Amino acid sequence: MSDFDLDLRAAEEQLDDGTAGAGDVTVAVLDGTTDPEEWVGLVAEGRTLLLAVDGDLNALAAPFAREVTELGGTLTHFRDKLVVTPPDADVDTSRLG
């Protein structure tokens, strides 16, 4: 058998797995001061948003909710918080009822 020289560390550094931000959670306040595209961008990167709602939820979420759902993400309202998840992240609400 011949020697096979493979440097896995160097190979891993060259790979871009597209998971920058994936699994990360951003905690913030949804009060209308943040550009809706910023929320969409974070979800597109794979981040989950935990947003404390300060105001009317429907009015505050409307500017980005459609784009998030078109990306495959979800929005879940729980008490005074809005949980916004990227595609492939599930929110299990089965224990609430």
C-alpha atoms as a PDB file:
ATOM      1  CA  MET A   1       0.000   0.000   0.000  1.00  0.00           C
ATOM      2  CA  SER A   2       1.378   3.424  -0.913  1.00  0.00           C
ATOM      3  CA  ASP A   3       1.635   6.339   1.463  1.00  0.00           C
ATOM      4  CA  PHE A   4      -1.233   8.759   1.173  1.00  0.00           C
ATOM      5  CA  ASP A   5      -0.580  12.262   2.481  1.00  0.00           C
ATOM      6  CA  LEU A   6      -3.751  14.165   3.315  1.00  0.00           C
ATOM      7  CA  ASP A   7      -3.730  17.272   5.499  1.00  0.00           C
ATOM      8  CA  LEU A   8      -7.269  17.372   6.888  1.00  0.00           C
ATOM      9  CA  ARG A   9      -6.737  20.641   8.758  1.00  0.00           C
ATOM     10  CA  ALA A  10      -5.796  22.437   5.565  1.00  0.00           C
ATOM     11  CA  ALA A  11      -8.743  20.867   3.754  1.00  0.00           C
ATOM     12  CA  GLU A  12     -11.207  21.949   6.447  1.00  0.00           C
ATOM     13  CA  GLU A  13      -9.960  25.522   6.242  1.00  0.00           C
ATOM     14  CA  GLN A  14     -10.762  25.555   2.521  1.00  0.00           C
ATOM     15  CA  LEU A  15     -14.320  24.315   2.974  1.00  0.00           C
ATOM     16  CA  ASP A  16     -17.169  26.769   3.233  1.00  0.00           C
ATOM     17  CA  ASP A  17     -20.019  24.762   4.661  1.00  0.00           C
ATOM     18  CA  GLY A  18     -22.458  27.689   4.480  1.00  0.00           C
ATOM     19  CA  THR A  19     -23.333  27.480   8.154  1.00  0.00           C
ATOM     20  CA  ALA A  20     -22.041  30.853   9.300  1.00  0.00           C
ATOM     21  CA  GLY A  21     -24.369  31.824  12.113  1.00  0.00           C
ATOM     22  CA  ALA A  22     -26.260  28.527  11.969  1.00  0.00           C
ATOM     23  CA  GLY A  23     -27.405  27.496  15.410  1.00  0.00           C
ATOM     24  CA  ASP A  24     -26.740  30.911  16.899  1.00  0.00           C
ATOM     25  CA  VAL A  25     -29.457  32.837  18.716  1.00  0.00           C
ATOM     26  CA  THR A  26     -29.851  36.608  18.560  1.00  0.00           C
ATOM     27  CA  VAL A  27     -31.756  38.184  21.456  1.00  0.00           C
ATOM     28  CA  ALA A  28     -33.119  41.660  20.818  1.00  0.00           C
ATOM     29  CA  VAL A  29     -36.116  43.959  21.116  1.00  0.00           C
ATOM     30  CA  LEU A  30     -38.648  44.234  18.307  1.00  0.00           C
ATOM     31  CA  ASP A  31     -39.736  47.854  18.524  1.00  0.00           C
ATOM     32  CA  GLY A  32     -39.570  49.075  14.943  1.00  0.00           C
ATOM     33  CA  THR A  33     -36.130  50.685  15.191  1.00  0.00           C
ATOM     34  CA  THR A  34     -34.253  47.863  13.430  1.00  0.00           C
ATOM     35  CA  ASP A  35     -34.372  47.649   9.643  1.00  0.00           C
ATOM     36  CA  PRO A  36     -36.578  44.647   8.741  1.00  0.00           C
ATOM     37  CA  GLU A  37     -33.958  43.517   6.209  1.00  0.00           C
ATOM     38  CA  GLU A  38     -31.540  43.040   9.100  1.00  0.00           C
ATOM     39  CA  TRP A  39     -33.920  40.502  10.691  1.00  0.00           C
ATOM     40  CA  VAL A  40     -34.320  38.718   7.349  1.00  0.00           C
ATOM     41  CA  GLY A  41     -30.550  38.667   6.837  1.00  0.00           C
ATOM     42  CA  LEU A  42     -29.931  37.124  10.241  1.00  0.00           C
ATOM     43  CA  VAL A  43     -32.494  34.387   9.604  1.00  0.00           C
ATOM     44  CA  ALA A  44     -31.012  33.776   6.150  1.00  0.00           C
ATOM     45  CA  GLU A  45     -27.635  33.234   7.867  1.00  0.00           C
ATOM     46  CA  GLY A  46     -29.220  30.511  10.000  1.00  0.00           C
ATOM     47  CA  ARG A  47     -29.733  32.473  13.194  1.00  0.00           C
ATOM     48  CA  THR A  48     -32.742  32.137  15.469  1.00  0.00           C
ATOM     49  CA  LEU A  49     -34.182  35.403  16.752  1.00  0.00           C
ATOM     50  CA  LEU A  50     -35.681  35.766  20.221  1.00  0.00           C
ATOM     51  CA  LEU A  51     -37.364  39.146  20.120  1.00  0.00           C
ATOM     52  CA  ALA A  52     -39.062  40.908  23.023  1.00  0.00           C
ATOM     53  CA  VAL A  53     -42.071  42.620  21.447  1.00  0.00           C
ATOM     54  CA  ASP A  54     -42.400  46.278  22.410  1.00  0.00           C
ATOM     55  CA  GLY A  55     -45.590  47.433  20.692  1.00  0.00           C
ATOM     56  CA  ASP A  56     -48.122  45.915  18.309  1.00  0.00           C
ATOM     57  CA  LEU A  57     -46.787  42.536  17.189  1.00  0.00           C
ATOM     58  CA  ASN A  58     -48.626  42.474  13.861  1.00  0.00           C
ATOM     59  CA  ALA A  59     -47.454  45.935  12.853  1.00  0.00           C
ATOM     60  CA  LEU A  60     -43.872  45.287  13.966  1.00  0.00           C
ATOM     61  CA  ALA A  61     -43.496  41.850  12.347  1.00  0.00           C
ATOM     62  CA  ALA A  62     -45.344  42.595   9.105  1.00  0.00           C
ATOM     63  CA  PRO A  63     -42.352  44.207   7.320  1.00  0.00           C
ATOM     64  CA  PHE A  64     -40.267  40.997   7.532  1.00  0.00           C
ATOM     65  CA  ALA A  65     -42.648  38.093   8.261  1.00  0.00           C
ATOM     66  CA  ARG A  66     -43.437  37.261   4.631  1.00  0.00           C
ATOM     67  CA  GLU A  67     -39.774  37.229   3.604  1.00  0.00           C
ATOM     68  CA  VAL A  68     -38.873  34.971   6.531  1.00  0.00           C
ATOM     69  CA  THR A  69     -41.622  32.484   5.673  1.00  0.00           C
ATOM     70  CA  GLU A  70     -40.646  32.570   1.983  1.00  0.00           C
ATOM     71  CA  LEU A  71     -37.125  31.585   3.076  1.00  0.00           C
ATOM     72  CA  GLY A  72     -38.658  28.607   4.876  1.00  0.00           C
ATOM     73  CA  GLY A  73     -38.405  30.144   8.330  1.00  0.00           C
ATOM     74  CA  THR A  74     -41.121  30.315  10.962  1.00  0.00           C
ATOM     75  CA  LEU A  75     -42.466  32.902  13.375  1.00  0.00           C
ATOM     76  CA  THR A  76     -43.885  31.796  16.720  1.00  0.00           C
ATOM     77  CA  HIS A  77     -45.464  34.189  19.211  1.00  0.00           C
ATOM     78  CA  PHE A  78     -45.168  33.162  22.864  1.00  0.00           C
ATOM     79  CA  ARG A  79     -46.290  35.539  25.578  1.00  0.00           C
ATOM     80  CA  ASP A  80     -44.535  38.841  24.849  1.00  0.00           C
ATOM     81  CA  LYS A  81     -41.807  37.262  22.697  1.00  0.00           C
ATOM     82  CA  LEU A  82     -41.489  36.430  19.026  1.00  0.00           C
ATOM     83  CA  VAL A  83     -39.312  33.467  18.102  1.00  0.00           C
ATOM     84  CA  VAL A  84     -38.138  33.602  14.494  1.00  0.00           C
ATOM     85  CA  THR A  85     -36.386  30.495  13.233  1.00  0.00           C
ATOM     86  CA  PRO A  86     -34.492  29.762  10.032  1.00  0.00           C
ATOM     87  CA  PRO A  87     -35.330  26.862   7.722  1.00  0.00           C
ATOM     88  CA  ASP A  88     -34.604  23.453   9.266  1.00  0.00           C
ATOM     89  CA  ALA A  89     -35.150  24.731  12.822  1.00  0.00           C
ATOM     90  CA  ASP A  90     -38.338  23.648  14.514  1.00  0.00           C
ATOM     91  CA  VAL A  91     -40.176  25.202  17.428  1.00  0.00           C
ATOM     92  CA  ASP A  92     -41.951  22.514  19.459  1.00  0.00           C
ATOM     93  CA  THR A  93     -45.064  24.051  20.975  1.00  0.00           C
ATOM     94  CA  SER A  94     -46.648  20.740  21.976  1.00  0.00           C
ATOM     95  CA  ARG A  95     -46.048  21.328  25.691  1.00  0.00           C
ATOM     96  CA  LEU A  96     -47.934  24.618  25.768  1.00  0.00           C
ATOM     97  CA  GLY A  97     -51.407  23.116  25.627  1.00  0.00           C
END
